[in-house]
Structures are given as C-alpha cells and as structure tokens.
C-alpha cells in the first residue's frame, strides 16, 4: 500500500517546515514542535542505504562537521504536487566547513536529527555530481540544489 499525495505532502511539511497536519490525532491535528528546531545535513562517500545511520560512510576530512538547517520555510522549500512525488530542497546556500587536511570524494548527502553521532537518519540520496574535497576546499551547495524526492 502506498501513501496518498496529500499525506506525502503533509509529512514533508511537518518534518521540514514544522507545519501541523490537520485532521489526524487530536482536534488540533498532528502538531509541529513549539520551536522549529534543526535538521542536520551530512556528506558521505557512499550510499547510506535505508539501514544506515548519519555516520554511515560519512566523510571525515579535517575540519568537517555537519551543517544545521532550521525546520522552516527559511531552511527548506517544500514543493507540493497533486500528481507524482513532492520534493524538498535547501532554501538557501549550504556551506560545510573548510577542509584543512585529509581528502575524500563525497557522493551522497544525508538529513538527520543529530549534530554528531549515529542520530536518526531521515532521508538520504546521491548528490547530482560527486565532489572531491582536499585541503582548502569549502563544500557548498546553492539554494535548491540538494533535493529530496518523496517516493
């Protein structure tokens, strides 16, 4: 059984924009958090798989850390559709820390709940193109270039 387009849209809005889902749960619906909170983007050198965590194949160049993005329209653009999958993308430039040593080639991105450690991996996928990171490279992604498609 698959999710309806309406439910897919509602879930994406709840997770990424902290928007309540009406007509489910109590009279007020399935509520967002009192404060929007953050999600954390991570870079990876291989596919995380659905069984992975935020640390699966995570890059480890010197200086690297995950980047926080607020759970609101300022952080994420949710594109709702009535036919086909809805999408979510970064609403603004995302910049990871400068590489000050080591190197790696990142091929995938993850969205999770923790700044460090295994955390809860919510979404993951391949980057449009891989990025070779070495000394003095600052990985950054323009607005709307990190896209998640709800399947």
Foldseek 3Di string as FASTA:
>chain_A
DDDALLVLLQVCLCLQAQCFDAPDDDNRGRGGDPAQAKKWKFFAQDFQPPPHFRPRRTDDAPQWWIFIATRRCQAKDWAGDNPFWTKIWGQAKDKTTAGQADKGKTFKMWIADDRDDRGHTDDMDTFPDIDIHGHGDIDMDGTPRDMDTDD
